[in-house]
Amino acid sequence: MTDLQRNNAPANPSAAEQPEGLPSRLAVQLWAKVAERLEKGEALISNQHFEAVIVQEYQEFVEGEPSPTALKQIRRMVATVNSAHPETFLAQGMQNGVKKAFEKGARKLKWDVAKIEAKGNSTLRRFKRREEVADLFEEVNLQPDKIDLLHCIVGTIRELEGVKGEKDGAHDTKTDEVVETWGAAGFPEDVSGMSLEESTFAAEAGGGGEKATGQGSK
């Protein structure tokens, strides 16, 4: 758990942040598990994603299903923490999602490290400026500048360097799953049929990116 997460996690939650009936100690343990998953790169970009993770961890702790009352309290806790402190957990979950989308685009275009270093920053800036992305950030009350572009670029380079030597065409199902999560969270395909991240990359690659280029000029 990072210092920011440790400071803002409901270790001593206020009445507004701590749902009645959910033990304070259990709430701390659940958020600590969320922080661990975020640090490992899991993309959590909506309250629903956080709720699902907390329910899974709750099941591990209590070895059983949460009651309807507990589920309601978990939903309230997630909504309160993410609304009051979006920079604590939600920002990292969003950043993980951006990195996964960027990584998928880089793989699809077969970008090498030099290309990522040259084009990565402008590609990610264009990605953040897209209307759909800006709307999602606004919806969760998070400033786009909370996303560390350098972290996304360096993380992608490390991932790509880590798979050198694999057979061409190897399928990364984990990356697909995370990008599908982005889609489920409201990242629609554009009129050309390309996914959001693909159209953004197309603008950088110089092909098929007319729409993305237009939006990137905002």
Protein backbone atom coordinates (compact mmCIF):
# COMPACT_ATOMS: atom_id res chain seq x y z
CA MET A 1 0.00 0.00 0.00
CA THR A 2 1.43 3.39 -0.97
CA ASP A 3 1.79 6.25 1.52
CA LEU A 4 -1.12 8.07 -0.14
CA GLN A 5 -3.33 4.99 0.11
CA ARG A 6 -2.27 4.35 3.70
CA ASN A 7 -3.09 7.94 4.64
CA ASN A 8 -6.51 7.98 2.96
CA ALA A 9 -7.70 4.41 3.49
CA PRO A 10 -10.44 4.27 6.13
CA ALA A 11 -8.11 3.00 8.88
CA ASN A 12 -10.01 5.23 11.29
CA PRO A 13 -13.00 5.91 9.07
CA SER A 14 -15.38 8.73 9.78
CA ALA A 15 -19.07 8.05 10.16
CA ALA A 16 -19.57 9.19 6.55
CA GLU A 17 -16.94 6.82 5.17
CA GLN A 18 -17.51 3.79 7.39
CA PRO A 19 -20.78 1.98 6.70
CA GLU A 20 -22.60 0.89 9.83
CA GLY A 21 -22.23 -2.81 10.49
CA LEU A 22 -18.98 -3.36 8.59
CA PRO A 23 -16.22 -3.86 11.18
CA SER A 24 -13.54 -1.21 10.96
CA ARG A 25 -10.75 -3.78 11.04
CA LEU A 26 -12.27 -5.74 8.17
CA ALA A 27 -12.69 -2.57 6.11
CA VAL A 28 -8.98 -1.81 6.55
CA GLN A 29 -8.05 -5.36 5.49
CA LEU A 30 -10.27 -5.18 2.42
CA TRP A 31 -8.77 -1.88 1.25
CA ALA A 32 -5.26 -3.23 1.87
CA LYS A 33 -6.07 -6.12 -0.48
CA VAL A 34 -7.40 -3.68 -3.07
CA ALA A 35 -4.13 -1.72 -2.83
CA GLU A 36 -2.14 -4.92 -3.36
CA ARG A 37 -4.09 -5.74 -6.51
CA LEU A 38 -3.64 -2.22 -7.84
CA GLU A 39 0.10 -2.38 -7.23
CA LYS A 40 0.18 -5.59 -9.28
CA GLY A 41 -1.39 -3.73 -12.20
CA GLU A 42 -5.07 -4.64 -12.00
CA ALA A 43 -7.31 -2.21 -13.89
CA LEU A 44 -10.16 -0.99 -11.69
CA ILE A 45 -11.89 1.96 -13.31
CA SER A 46 -15.37 2.03 -11.83
CA ASN A 47 -17.09 1.57 -8.49
CA GLN A 48 -18.47 -1.71 -9.81
CA HIS A 49 -14.95 -3.02 -10.36
CA PHE A 50 -13.93 -2.07 -6.82
CA GLU A 51 -17.10 -3.61 -5.39
CA ALA A 52 -16.43 -6.91 -7.19
CA VAL A 53 -12.85 -7.05 -5.89
CA ILE A 54 -13.88 -6.21 -2.33
CA VAL A 55 -16.62 -8.85 -2.40
CA GLN A 56 -14.06 -11.43 -3.55
CA GLU A 57 -11.68 -10.47 -0.76
CA TYR A 58 -14.56 -10.40 1.74
CA GLN A 59 -15.41 -13.98 0.76
CA GLU A 60 -11.79 -14.98 1.43
CA PHE A 61 -11.72 -13.33 4.84
CA VAL A 62 -15.04 -14.62 6.15
CA GLU A 63 -15.15 -17.84 4.09
CA GLY A 64 -18.69 -17.14 2.98
CA GLU A 65 -20.96 -14.92 0.94
CA PRO A 66 -21.70 -11.39 2.15
CA SER A 67 -25.26 -10.79 3.26
CA PRO A 68 -27.49 -8.33 1.37
CA THR A 69 -26.83 -5.83 4.15
CA ALA A 70 -23.07 -6.31 3.85
CA LEU A 71 -23.28 -5.86 0.08
CA LYS A 72 -25.15 -2.59 0.53
CA GLN A 73 -22.54 -1.41 3.02
CA ILE A 74 -19.70 -2.35 0.68
CA ARG A 75 -21.31 -0.39 -2.16
CA ARG A 76 -21.73 2.61 0.11
CA MET A 77 -18.14 2.38 1.35
CA VAL A 78 -16.71 2.16 -2.18
CA ALA A 79 -18.81 5.06 -3.43
CA THR A 80 -17.81 7.23 -0.48
CA VAL A 81 -14.07 6.51 -0.60
CA ASN A 82 -13.80 6.86 -4.39
CA SER A 83 -15.86 10.04 -4.37
CA ALA A 84 -14.05 11.67 -1.45
CA HIS A 85 -10.56 10.47 -2.36
CA PRO A 86 -10.45 9.50 -6.08
CA GLU A 87 -6.70 10.10 -6.14
CA THR A 88 -6.08 7.34 -3.59
CA PHE A 89 -7.27 4.11 -5.21
CA LEU A 90 -9.26 5.04 -8.30
CA ALA A 91 -6.40 7.01 -9.89
CA GLN A 92 -4.11 4.00 -9.80
CA GLY A 93 -6.84 1.72 -11.14
CA MET A 94 -7.43 4.13 -14.03
CA GLN A 95 -3.70 4.40 -14.68
CA ASN A 96 -3.43 0.62 -14.84
CA GLY A 97 -6.23 0.61 -17.39
CA VAL A 98 -4.54 3.24 -19.55
CA LYS A 99 -1.29 1.27 -19.44
CA LYS A 100 -3.05 -1.94 -20.51
CA ALA A 101 -4.77 -0.19 -23.41
CA PHE A 102 -1.48 1.41 -24.47
CA GLU A 103 0.33 -1.91 -24.21
CA LYS A 104 -2.28 -3.63 -26.37
CA GLY A 105 -1.99 -0.93 -29.03
CA ALA A 106 1.81 -1.13 -29.03
CA ARG A 107 1.69 -4.89 -29.45
CA LYS A 108 -0.86 -4.68 -32.23
CA LEU A 109 1.29 -2.25 -34.21
CA LYS A 110 4.44 -4.21 -33.32
CA TRP A 111 6.12 -1.13 -31.88
CA ASP A 112 9.64 -1.68 -30.58
CA VAL A 113 11.18 0.12 -27.61
CA ALA A 114 12.52 2.97 -29.76
CA LYS A 115 9.09 3.58 -31.29
CA ILE A 116 7.40 3.55 -27.89
CA GLU A 117 9.92 6.05 -26.55
CA ALA A 118 9.43 8.30 -29.58
CA LYS A 119 5.65 8.10 -29.92
CA GLY A 120 4.37 6.95 -26.55
CA ASN A 121 3.98 10.30 -24.84
CA SER A 122 2.05 11.98 -27.68
CA THR A 123 -0.11 8.87 -28.17
CA LEU A 124 -1.11 8.77 -24.51
CA ARG A 125 -1.78 12.51 -24.45
CA ARG A 126 -4.10 12.09 -27.43
CA PHE A 127 -5.74 9.15 -25.68
CA LYS A 128 -6.49 11.25 -22.59
CA ARG A 129 -7.92 14.09 -24.69
CA ARG A 130 -10.51 11.93 -26.42
CA GLU A 131 -14.05 12.90 -25.53
CA GLU A 132 -15.01 9.46 -24.20
CA VAL A 133 -11.96 9.36 -21.93
CA ALA A 134 -12.46 12.91 -20.69
CA ASP A 135 -16.10 12.13 -19.92
CA LEU A 136 -15.14 9.08 -17.87
CA PHE A 137 -12.57 11.05 -15.86
CA GLU A 138 -15.16 13.75 -15.22
CA GLU A 139 -17.73 11.15 -14.17
CA VAL A 140 -15.44 9.77 -11.48
CA ASN A 141 -14.26 13.26 -10.41
CA LEU A 142 -10.64 12.56 -11.33
CA GLN A 143 -8.28 14.91 -13.15
CA PRO A 144 -6.58 13.32 -16.20
CA ASP A 145 -3.24 14.74 -15.06
CA LYS A 146 -3.34 12.21 -12.22
CA ILE A 147 -2.32 9.61 -14.82
CA ASP A 148 1.47 9.24 -14.92
CA LEU A 149 2.30 8.91 -18.62
CA LEU A 150 5.94 8.04 -17.94
CA HIS A 151 4.84 5.17 -15.71
CA CYS A 152 2.62 3.82 -18.50
CA ILE A 153 5.42 4.05 -21.06
CA VAL A 154 8.10 2.51 -18.83
CA GLY A 155 5.72 -0.23 -17.71
CA THR A 156 4.86 -1.10 -21.31
CA ILE A 157 8.54 -1.24 -22.29
CA ARG A 158 9.23 -3.60 -19.39
CA GLU A 159 6.31 -5.80 -20.38
CA LEU A 160 7.42 -5.97 -24.01
CA GLU A 161 11.02 -6.65 -23.07
CA GLY A 162 9.79 -9.39 -20.77
CA VAL A 163 8.16 -11.32 -23.62
CA LYS A 164 11.11 -11.18 -26.04
CA GLY A 165 11.76 -14.58 -27.51
CA GLU A 166 8.14 -15.71 -27.42
CA LYS A 167 6.66 -17.12 -30.60
CA ASP A 168 5.20 -14.60 -33.00
CA GLY A 169 1.47 -14.36 -32.65
CA ALA A 170 1.43 -15.49 -29.03
CA HIS A 171 -1.91 -14.49 -27.56
CA ASP A 172 -1.99 -12.44 -24.38
CA THR A 173 -5.39 -13.29 -22.93
CA LYS A 174 -4.80 -11.20 -19.80
CA THR A 175 -4.29 -8.05 -21.85
CA ASP A 176 -7.43 -8.82 -23.85
CA GLU A 177 -9.42 -9.25 -20.65
CA VAL A 178 -8.32 -5.89 -19.28
CA VAL A 179 -9.01 -4.04 -22.52
CA GLU A 180 -12.44 -5.67 -22.58
CA THR A 181 -12.89 -4.20 -19.11
CA TRP A 182 -12.21 -0.75 -20.57
CA GLY A 183 -14.84 -1.39 -23.22
CA ALA A 184 -17.38 -2.50 -20.64
CA ALA A 185 -16.74 0.70 -18.73
CA GLY A 186 -17.92 2.87 -21.57
CA PHE A 187 -15.14 3.11 -24.13
CA PRO A 188 -17.12 2.68 -27.37
CA GLU A 189 -15.83 1.79 -30.80
CA ASP A 190 -15.71 4.65 -33.26
CA VAL A 191 -17.56 4.68 -36.57
CA SER A 192 -14.70 2.99 -38.41
CA GLY A 193 -15.05 -0.08 -36.20
CA MET A 194 -11.68 0.33 -34.53
CA SER A 195 -11.54 0.28 -30.76
CA LEU A 196 -10.68 3.49 -28.97
CA GLU A 197 -7.06 2.64 -28.37
CA GLU A 198 -6.57 1.32 -31.92
CA SER A 199 -7.92 4.48 -33.55
CA THR A 200 -5.72 6.59 -31.31
CA PHE A 201 -2.67 4.59 -32.30
CA ALA A 202 -3.68 4.79 -35.97
CA ALA A 203 -3.32 8.57 -35.80
CA GLU A 204 0.25 8.17 -34.55
CA ALA A 205 1.03 5.48 -37.12
CA GLY A 206 -0.16 7.71 -39.94
CA GLY A 207 -2.93 5.48 -41.21
CA GLY A 208 -6.67 5.28 -40.68
CA GLY A 209 -6.53 7.94 -38.00
CA GLU A 210 -8.49 10.81 -39.48
CA LYS A 211 -11.05 10.78 -36.73
CA ALA A 212 -8.51 10.32 -33.96
CA THR A 213 -6.35 13.10 -35.39
CA GLY A 214 -9.30 15.46 -35.41
CA GLN A 215 -10.14 14.70 -31.81
CA GLY A 216 -6.51 14.90 -30.79
CA SER A 217 -6.35 18.50 -31.90
CA LYS A 218 -8.79 19.59 -29.22
